[in-house]
Amino acid sequence: PIGLAMLRSTLRPSWAPHLLQGAAGTLLGLAVVVGG
């Protein structure tokens, strides 16, 4: 459900900045878990 909420928040009329935020957040989440 968090992933579905993320998709809803990134796929808006002005989607480009939200999509970039989502991509950055995804990389950060991956880095936190792998690094940890």
PDB file of all heavy atoms in Angstrom:
ATOM      1  N   PRO A   1       0.814  -1.225   0.000  1.00  0.00           N
ATOM      2  CA  PRO A   1       0.000   0.000   0.000  1.00  0.00           C
ATOM      3  C   PRO A   1       0.847   1.274   0.000  1.00  0.00           C
ATOM      4  O   PRO A   1       0.429   2.292  -0.559  1.00  0.00           O
ATOM      5  CB  PRO A   1      -0.837  -0.107   1.288  1.00  0.00           C
ATOM      6  CG  PRO A   1      -0.175  -1.138   2.116  1.00  0.00           C
ATOM      7  CD  PRO A   1       0.588  -2.042   1.187  1.00  0.00           C
ATOM      8  N   ILE A   2       2.035   1.220   0.588  1.00  0.00           N
ATOM      9  CA  ILE A   2       2.917   2.391   0.571  1.00  0.00           C
ATOM     10  C   ILE A   2       3.384   2.658  -0.861  1.00  0.00           C
ATOM     11  O   ILE A   2       3.436   3.805  -1.306  1.00  0.00           O
ATOM     12  CB  ILE A   2       4.102   2.191   1.537  1.00  0.00           C
ATOM     13  CG1 ILE A   2       3.583   2.080   2.973  1.00  0.00           C
ATOM     14  CG2 ILE A   2       5.114   3.328   1.407  1.00  0.00           C
ATOM     15  CD1 ILE A   2       4.615   1.619   3.978  1.00  0.00           C
ATOM     16  N   GLY A   3       3.689   1.596  -1.593  1.00  0.00           N
ATOM     17  CA  GLY A   3       4.088   1.744  -2.987  1.00  0.00           C
ATOM     18  C   GLY A   3       2.969   2.309  -3.844  1.00  0.00           C
ATOM     19  O   GLY A   3       3.206   3.162  -4.709  1.00  0.00           O
ATOM     20  N   LEU A   4       1.734   1.857  -3.593  1.00  0.00           N
ATOM     21  CA  LEU A   4       0.595   2.402  -4.346  1.00  0.00           C
ATOM     22  C   LEU A   4       0.396   3.881  -4.016  1.00  0.00           C
ATOM     23  O   LEU A   4       0.129   4.692  -4.915  1.00  0.00           O
ATOM     24  CB  LEU A   4      -0.669   1.601  -4.034  1.00  0.00           C
ATOM     25  CG  LEU A   4      -0.682   0.173  -4.568  1.00  0.00           C
ATOM     26  CD1 LEU A   4      -1.901  -0.590  -4.053  1.00  0.00           C
ATOM     27  CD2 LEU A   4      -0.647   0.167  -6.079  1.00  0.00           C
ATOM     28  N   ALA A   5       0.544   4.246  -2.742  1.00  0.00           N
ATOM     29  CA  ALA A   5       0.427   5.650  -2.352  1.00  0.00           C
ATOM     30  C   ALA A   5       1.538   6.478  -2.995  1.00  0.00           C
ATOM     31  O   ALA A   5       1.314   7.610  -3.409  1.00  0.00           O
ATOM     32  CB  ALA A   5       0.473   5.782  -0.828  1.00  0.00           C
ATOM     33  N   MET A   6       2.737   5.906  -3.075  1.00  0.00           N
ATOM     34  CA  MET A   6       3.854   6.595  -3.710  1.00  0.00           C
ATOM     35  C   MET A   6       3.548   6.851  -5.191  1.00  0.00           C
ATOM     36  O   MET A   6       3.767   7.945  -5.700  1.00  0.00           O
ATOM     37  CB  MET A   6       5.139   5.778  -3.581  1.00  0.00           C
ATOM     38  CG  MET A   6       6.332   6.421  -4.258  1.00  0.00           C
ATOM     39  SD  MET A   6       7.718   5.322  -4.478  1.00  0.00           S
ATOM     40  CE  MET A   6       7.059   4.116  -5.601  1.00  0.00           C
ATOM     41  N   LEU A   7       3.045   5.842  -5.867  1.00  0.00           N
ATOM     42  CA  LEU A   7       2.699   6.015  -7.285  1.00  0.00           C
ATOM     43  C   LEU A   7       1.643   7.100  -7.468  1.00  0.00           C
ATOM     44  O   LEU A   7       1.743   7.926  -8.383  1.00  0.00           O
ATOM     45  CB  LEU A   7       2.217   4.698  -7.877  1.00  0.00           C
ATOM     46  CG  LEU A   7       3.288   3.659  -8.153  1.00  0.00           C
ATOM     47  CD1 LEU A   7       2.660   2.355  -8.632  1.00  0.00           C
ATOM     48  CD2 LEU A   7       4.275   4.181  -9.188  1.00  0.00           C
ATOM     49  N   ARG A   8       0.648   7.103  -6.610  1.00  0.00           N
ATOM     50  CA  ARG A   8      -0.395   8.130  -6.702  1.00  0.00           C
ATOM     51  C   ARG A   8       0.178   9.518  -6.477  1.00  0.00           C
ATOM     52  O   ARG A   8      -0.275  10.477  -7.073  1.00  0.00           O
ATOM     53  CB  ARG A   8      -1.503   7.848  -5.689  1.00  0.00           C
ATOM     54  CG  ARG A   8      -2.372   6.664  -6.080  1.00  0.00           C
ATOM     55  CD  ARG A   8      -3.502   6.454  -5.121  1.00  0.00           C
ATOM     56  NE  ARG A   8      -4.401   7.605  -5.129  1.00  0.00           N
ATOM     57  CZ  ARG A   8      -5.316   7.810  -4.205  1.00  0.00           C
ATOM     58  NH1 ARG A   8      -5.469   6.968  -3.212  1.00  0.00           N
ATOM     59  NH2 ARG A   8      -6.088   8.858  -4.273  1.00  0.00           N
ATOM     60  N   SER A   9       1.185   9.617  -5.599  1.00  0.00           N
ATOM     61  CA  SER A   9       1.755  10.938  -5.308  1.00  0.00           C
ATOM     62  C   SER A   9       2.727  11.401  -6.388  1.00  0.00           C
ATOM     63  O   SER A   9       2.984  12.593  -6.504  1.00  0.00           O
ATOM     64  CB  SER A   9       2.439  10.937  -3.943  1.00  0.00           C
ATOM     65  OG  SER A   9       3.636  10.191  -3.980  1.00  0.00           O
ATOM     66  N   THR A  10       3.281  10.484  -7.150  1.00  0.00           N
ATOM     67  CA  THR A  10       4.231  10.881  -8.196  1.00  0.00           C
ATOM     68  C   THR A  10       3.563  11.081  -9.552  1.00  0.00           C
ATOM     69  O   THR A  10       4.076  11.828 -10.377  1.00  0.00           O
ATOM     70  CB  THR A  10       5.367   9.845  -8.358  1.00  0.00           C
ATOM     71  OG1 THR A  10       4.813   8.571  -8.633  1.00  0.00           O
ATOM     72  CG2 THR A  10       6.233   9.786  -7.115  1.00  0.00           C
ATOM     73  N   LEU A  11       2.458  10.428  -9.796  1.00  0.00           N
ATOM     74  CA  LEU A  11       1.780  10.539 -11.092  1.00  0.00           C
ATOM     75  C   LEU A  11       0.697  11.603 -11.020  1.00  0.00           C
ATOM     76  O   LEU A  11      -0.487  11.317 -10.977  1.00  0.00           O
ATOM     77  CB  LEU A  11       1.193   9.180 -11.495  1.00  0.00           C
ATOM     78  CG  LEU A  11       2.212   8.050 -11.627  1.00  0.00           C
ATOM     79  CD1 LEU A  11       1.516   6.742 -11.942  1.00  0.00           C
ATOM     80  CD2 LEU A  11       3.251   8.382 -12.689  1.00  0.00           C
ATOM     81  N   ARG A  12       1.136  12.848 -11.000  1.00  0.00           N
ATOM     82  CA  ARG A  12       0.241  14.000 -10.942  1.00  0.00           C
ATOM     83  C   ARG A  12       0.377  14.779 -12.241  1.00  0.00           C
ATOM     84  O   ARG A  12       1.271  14.523 -13.037  1.00  0.00           O
ATOM     85  CB  ARG A  12       0.637  14.907  -9.778  1.00  0.00           C
ATOM     86  CG  ARG A  12       0.494  14.265  -8.437  1.00  0.00           C
ATOM     87  CD  ARG A  12       0.882  15.274  -7.394  1.00  0.00           C
ATOM     88  NE  ARG A  12       0.903  14.685  -6.076  1.00  0.00           N
ATOM     89  CZ  ARG A  12       1.275  15.345  -5.008  1.00  0.00           C
ATOM     90  NH1 ARG A  12       1.669  16.590  -5.101  1.00  0.00           N
ATOM     91  NH2 ARG A  12       1.272  14.766  -3.843  1.00  0.00           N
ATOM     92  N   PRO A  13      -0.474  15.810 -12.437  1.00  0.00           N
ATOM     93  CA  PRO A  13      -0.340  16.618 -13.658  1.00  0.00           C
ATOM     94  C   PRO A  13       1.073  17.187 -13.846  1.00  0.00           C
ATOM     95  O   PRO A  13       1.586  17.191 -14.950  1.00  0.00           O
ATOM     96  CB  PRO A  13      -1.381  17.724 -13.464  1.00  0.00           C
ATOM     97  CG  PRO A  13      -2.414  17.103 -12.584  1.00  0.00           C
ATOM     98  CD  PRO A  13      -1.663  16.172 -11.667  1.00  0.00           C
ATOM     99  N   SER A  14       1.692  17.671 -12.788  1.00  0.00           N
ATOM    100  CA  SER A  14       3.086  18.134 -12.899  1.00  0.00           C
ATOM    101  C   SER A  14       3.980  17.017 -12.365  1.00  0.00           C
ATOM    102  O   SER A  14       4.595  17.126 -11.319  1.00  0.00           O
ATOM    103  CB  SER A  14       3.276  19.423 -12.097  1.00  0.00           C
ATOM    104  OG  SER A  14       2.987  19.193 -10.741  1.00  0.00           O
ATOM    105  N   TRP A  15       4.070  15.944 -13.095  1.00  0.00           N
ATOM    106  CA  TRP A  15       4.664  14.698 -12.614  1.00  0.00           C
ATOM    107  C   TRP A  15       6.182  14.693 -12.563  1.00  0.00           C
ATOM    108  O   TRP A  15       6.770  13.971 -11.781  1.00  0.00           O
ATOM    109  CB  TRP A  15       4.188  13.527 -13.463  1.00  0.00           C
ATOM    110  CG  TRP A  15       4.551  13.667 -14.913  1.00  0.00           C
ATOM    111  CD1 TRP A  15       3.813  14.271 -15.873  1.00  0.00           C
ATOM    112  CD2 TRP A  15       5.739  13.232 -15.545  1.00  0.00           C
ATOM    113  NE1 TRP A  15       4.456  14.244 -17.073  1.00  0.00           N
ATOM    114  CE2 TRP A  15       5.655  13.600 -16.906  1.00  0.00           C
ATOM    115  CE3 TRP A  15       6.871  12.562 -15.119  1.00  0.00           C
ATOM    116  CZ2 TRP A  15       6.663  13.323 -17.821  1.00  0.00           C
ATOM    117  CZ3 TRP A  15       7.871  12.288 -16.030  1.00  0.00           C
ATOM    118  CH2 TRP A  15       7.760  12.662 -17.364  1.00  0.00           C
ATOM    119  N   ALA A  16       6.873  15.456 -13.377  1.00  0.00           N
ATOM    120  CA  ALA A  16       8.339  15.357 -13.477  1.00  0.00           C
ATOM    121  C   ALA A  16       9.055  15.592 -12.142  1.00  0.00           C
ATOM    122  O   ALA A  16       9.871  14.769 -11.723  1.00  0.00           O
ATOM    123  CB  ALA A  16       8.868  16.302 -14.542  1.00  0.00           C
ATOM    124  N   PRO A  17       8.782  16.685 -11.406  1.00  0.00           N
ATOM    125  CA  PRO A  17       9.499  16.863 -10.143  1.00  0.00           C
ATOM    126  C   PRO A  17       9.158  15.782  -9.130  1.00  0.00           C
ATOM    127  O   PRO A  17      10.019  15.333  -8.365  1.00  0.00           O
ATOM    128  CB  PRO A  17       9.059  18.236  -9.644  1.00  0.00           C
ATOM    129  CG  PRO A  17       8.199  18.834 -10.682  1.00  0.00           C
ATOM    130  CD  PRO A  17       7.935  17.816 -11.730  1.00  0.00           C
ATOM    131  N   HIS A  18       7.914  15.337  -9.128  1.00  0.00           N
ATOM    132  CA  HIS A  18       7.493  14.298  -8.185  1.00  0.00           C
ATOM    133  C   HIS A  18       8.150  12.957  -8.521  1.00  0.00           C
ATOM    134  O   HIS A  18       8.519  12.195  -7.635  1.00  0.00           O
ATOM    135  CB  HIS A  18       5.970  14.166  -8.180  1.00  0.00           C
ATOM    136  CG  HIS A  18       5.277  15.428  -7.824  1.00  0.00           C
ATOM    137  ND1 HIS A  18       5.338  15.989  -6.567  1.00  0.00           N
ATOM    138  CD2 HIS A  18       4.513  16.269  -8.571  1.00  0.00           C
ATOM    139  CE1 HIS A  18       4.643  17.109  -6.546  1.00  0.00           C
ATOM    140  NE2 HIS A  18       4.132  17.298  -7.757  1.00  0.00           N
ATOM    141  N   LEU A  19       8.287  12.714  -9.803  1.00  0.00           N
ATOM    142  CA  LEU A  19       8.948  11.482 -10.231  1.00  0.00           C
ATOM    143  C   LEU A  19      10.426  11.501  -9.838  1.00  0.00           C
ATOM    144  O   LEU A  19      10.967  10.487  -9.385  1.00  0.00           O
ATOM    145  CB  LEU A  19       8.790  11.299 -11.741  1.00  0.00           C
ATOM    146  CG  LEU A  19       9.158   9.939 -12.302  1.00  0.00           C
ATOM    147  CD1 LEU A  19       8.302   8.843 -11.671  1.00  0.00           C
ATOM    148  CD2 LEU A  19       8.985   9.928 -13.797  1.00  0.00           C
ATOM    149  N   LEU A  20      11.065  12.654  -9.973  1.00  0.00           N
ATOM    150  CA  LEU A  20      12.464  12.776  -9.546  1.00  0.00           C
ATOM    151  C   LEU A  20      12.592  12.588  -8.036  1.00  0.00           C
ATOM    152  O   LEU A  20      13.530  11.949  -7.562  1.00  0.00           O
ATOM    153  CB  LEU A  20      13.043  14.124  -9.977  1.00  0.00           C
ATOM    154  CG  LEU A  20      13.288  14.287 -11.468  1.00  0.00           C
ATOM    155  CD1 LEU A  20      13.714  15.710 -11.785  1.00  0.00           C
ATOM    156  CD2 LEU A  20      14.326  13.283 -11.952  1.00  0.00           C
ATOM    157  N   GLN A  21      11.662  13.153  -7.275  1.00  0.00           N
ATOM    158  CA  GLN A  21      11.672  12.950  -5.827  1.00  0.00           C
ATOM    159  C   GLN A  21      11.499  11.473  -5.500  1.00  0.00           C
ATOM    160  O   GLN A  21      12.171  10.940  -4.617  1.00  0.00           O
ATOM    161  CB  GLN A  21      10.535  13.726  -5.156  1.00  0.00           C
ATOM    162  CG  GLN A  21      10.790  15.180  -4.959  1.00  0.00           C
ATOM    163  CD  GLN A  21       9.644  15.812  -4.184  1.00  0.00           C
ATOM    164  OE1 GLN A  21       8.478  15.450  -4.340  1.00  0.00           O
ATOM    165  NE2 GLN A  21       9.991  16.785  -3.360  1.00  0.00           N
ATOM    166  N   GLY A  22      10.592  10.814  -6.183  1.00  0.00           N
ATOM    167  CA  GLY A  22      10.377   9.387  -5.957  1.00  0.00           C
ATOM    168  C   GLY A  22      11.613   8.562  -6.279  1.00  0.00           C
ATOM    169  O   GLY A  22      11.971   7.647  -5.545  1.00  0.00           O
ATOM    170  N   ALA A  23      12.288   8.915  -7.382  1.00  0.00           N
ATOM    171  CA  ALA A  23      13.514   8.188  -7.754  1.00  0.00           C
ATOM    172  C   ALA A  23      14.605   8.410  -6.718  1.00  0.00           C
ATOM    173  O   ALA A  23      15.304   7.469  -6.306  1.00  0.00           O
ATOM    174  CB  ALA A  23      13.985   8.629  -9.134  1.00  0.00           C
ATOM    175  N   ALA A  24      14.757   9.652  -6.259  1.00  0.00           N
ATOM    176  CA  ALA A  24      15.765   9.943  -5.235  1.00  0.00           C
ATOM    177  C   ALA A  24      15.442   9.212  -3.941  1.00  0.00           C
ATOM    178  O   ALA A  24      16.334   8.651  -3.284  1.00  0.00           O
ATOM    179  CB  ALA A  24      15.845  11.450  -4.999  1.00  0.00           C
ATOM    180  N   GLY A  25      14.177   9.201  -3.565  1.00  0.00           N
ATOM    181  CA  GLY A  25      13.765   8.486  -2.356  1.00  0.00           C
ATOM    182  C   GLY A  25      14.005   6.992  -2.463  1.00  0.00           C
ATOM    183  O   GLY A  25      14.423   6.348  -1.499  1.00  0.00           O
ATOM    184  N   THR A  26      13.757   6.435  -3.625  1.00  0.00           N
ATOM    185  CA  THR A  26      13.993   5.006  -3.840  1.00  0.00           C
ATOM    186  C   THR A  26      15.474   4.676  -3.672  1.00  0.00           C
ATOM    187  O   THR A  26      15.836   3.700  -3.003  1.00  0.00           O
ATOM    188  CB  THR A  26      13.508   4.587  -5.239  1.00  0.00           C
ATOM    189  OG1 THR A  26      12.105   4.857  -5.331  1.00  0.00           O
ATOM    190  CG2 THR A  26      13.752   3.114  -5.499  1.00  0.00           C
ATOM    191  N   LEU A  27      16.326   5.492  -4.263  1.00  0.00           N
ATOM    192  CA  LEU A  27      17.777   5.271  -4.114  1.00  0.00           C
ATOM    193  C   LEU A  27      18.214   5.431  -2.664  1.00  0.00           C
ATOM    194  O   LEU A  27      19.057   4.662  -2.176  1.00  0.00           O
ATOM    195  CB  LEU A  27      18.556   6.219  -5.022  1.00  0.00           C
ATOM    196  CG  LEU A  27      18.431   5.946  -6.517  1.00  0.00           C
ATOM    197  CD1 LEU A  27      19.145   7.024  -7.312  1.00  0.00           C
ATOM    198  CD2 LEU A  27      18.971   4.562  -6.866  1.00  0.00           C
ATOM    199  N   LEU A  28      17.659   6.398  -1.965  1.00  0.00           N
ATOM    200  CA  LEU A  28      17.998   6.598  -0.562  1.00  0.00           C
ATOM    201  C   LEU A  28      17.555   5.410   0.286  1.00  0.00           C
ATOM    202  O   LEU A  28      18.309   4.927   1.137  1.00  0.00           O
ATOM    203  CB  LEU A  28      17.371   7.890  -0.046  1.00  0.00           C
ATOM    204  CG  LEU A  28      17.671   8.253   1.406  1.00  0.00           C
ATOM    205  CD1 LEU A  28      19.172   8.391   1.638  1.00  0.00           C
ATOM    206  CD2 LEU A  28      16.940   9.532   1.787  1.00  0.00           C
ATOM    207  N   GLY A  29      16.347   4.912   0.059  1.00  0.00           N
ATOM    208  CA  GLY A  29      15.865   3.736   0.795  1.00  0.00           C
ATOM    209  C   GLY A  29      16.743   2.526   0.544  1.00  0.00           C
ATOM    210  O   GLY A  29      17.078   1.774   1.472  1.00  0.00           O
ATOM    211  N   LEU A  30      17.144   2.332  -0.695  1.00  0.00           N
ATOM    212  CA  LEU A  30      18.034   1.227  -1.042  1.00  0.00           C
ATOM    213  C   LEU A  30      19.381   1.382  -0.347  1.00  0.00           C
ATOM    214  O   LEU A  30      19.922   0.429   0.223  1.00  0.00           O
ATOM    215  CB  LEU A  30      18.215   1.168  -2.561  1.00  0.00           C
ATOM    216  CG  LEU A  30      19.136   0.104  -3.114  1.00  0.00           C
ATOM    217  CD1 LEU A  30      18.595  -1.284  -2.829  1.00  0.00           C
ATOM    218  CD2 LEU A  30      19.312   0.290  -4.604  1.00  0.00           C
ATOM    219  N   ALA A  31      19.917   2.596  -0.359  1.00  0.00           N
ATOM    220  CA  ALA A  31      21.219   2.843   0.284  1.00  0.00           C
ATOM    221  C   ALA A  31      21.160   2.608   1.786  1.00  0.00           C
ATOM    222  O   ALA A  31      22.095   2.046   2.371  1.00  0.00           O
ATOM    223  CB  ALA A  31      21.678   4.272  -0.007  1.00  0.00           C
ATOM    224  N   VAL A  32      20.068   3.008   2.425  1.00  0.00           N
ATOM    225  CA  VAL A  32      19.934   2.815   3.872  1.00  0.00           C
ATOM    226  C   VAL A  32      19.944   1.330   4.217  1.00  0.00           C
ATOM    227  O   VAL A  32      20.670   0.888   5.113  1.00  0.00           O
ATOM    228  CB  VAL A  32      18.643   3.486   4.397  1.00  0.00           C
ATOM    229  CG1 VAL A  32      18.284   3.006   5.798  1.00  0.00           C
ATOM    230  CG2 VAL A  32      18.789   4.991   4.375  1.00  0.00           C
ATOM    231  N   VAL A  33      19.167   0.539   3.500  1.00  0.00           N
ATOM    232  CA  VAL A  33      19.071  -0.888   3.822  1.00  0.00           C
ATOM    233  C   VAL A  33      20.364  -1.625   3.474  1.00  0.00           C
ATOM    234  O   VAL A  33      20.901  -2.374   4.303  1.00  0.00           O
ATOM    235  CB  VAL A  33      17.854  -1.532   3.120  1.00  0.00           C
ATOM    236  CG1 VAL A  33      17.852  -3.041   3.293  1.00  0.00           C
ATOM    237  CG2 VAL A  33      16.570  -0.941   3.679  1.00  0.00           C
ATOM    238  N   VAL A  34      20.891  -1.415   2.284  1.00  0.00           N
ATOM    239  CA  VAL A  34      22.124  -2.111   1.896  1.00  0.00           C
ATOM    240  C   VAL A  34      23.287  -1.675   2.786  1.00  0.00           C
ATOM    241  O   VAL A  34      24.053  -2.502   3.276  1.00  0.00           O
ATOM    242  CB  VAL A  34      22.440  -1.883   0.393  1.00  0.00           C
ATOM    243  CG1 VAL A  34      23.818  -2.404   0.040  1.00  0.00           C
ATOM    244  CG2 VAL A  34      21.390  -2.568  -0.466  1.00  0.00           C
ATOM    245  N   GLY A  35      23.405  -0.367   3.015  1.00  0.00           N
ATOM    246  CA  GLY A  35      24.470   0.123   3.892  1.00  0.00           C
ATOM    247  C   GLY A  35      24.335  -0.384   5.311  1.00  0.00           C
ATOM    248  O   GLY A  35      25.323  -0.752   5.956  1.00  0.00           O
ATOM    249  N   GLY A  36      23.121  -0.430   5.804  1.00  0.00           N
ATOM    250  CA  GLY A  36      22.891  -0.945   7.155  1.00  0.00           C
ATOM    251  C   GLY A  36      23.199  -2.418   7.288  1.00  0.00           C
ATOM    252  O   GLY A  36      23.805  -2.857   8.272  1.00  0.00           O
TER     253      GLY A  36
END
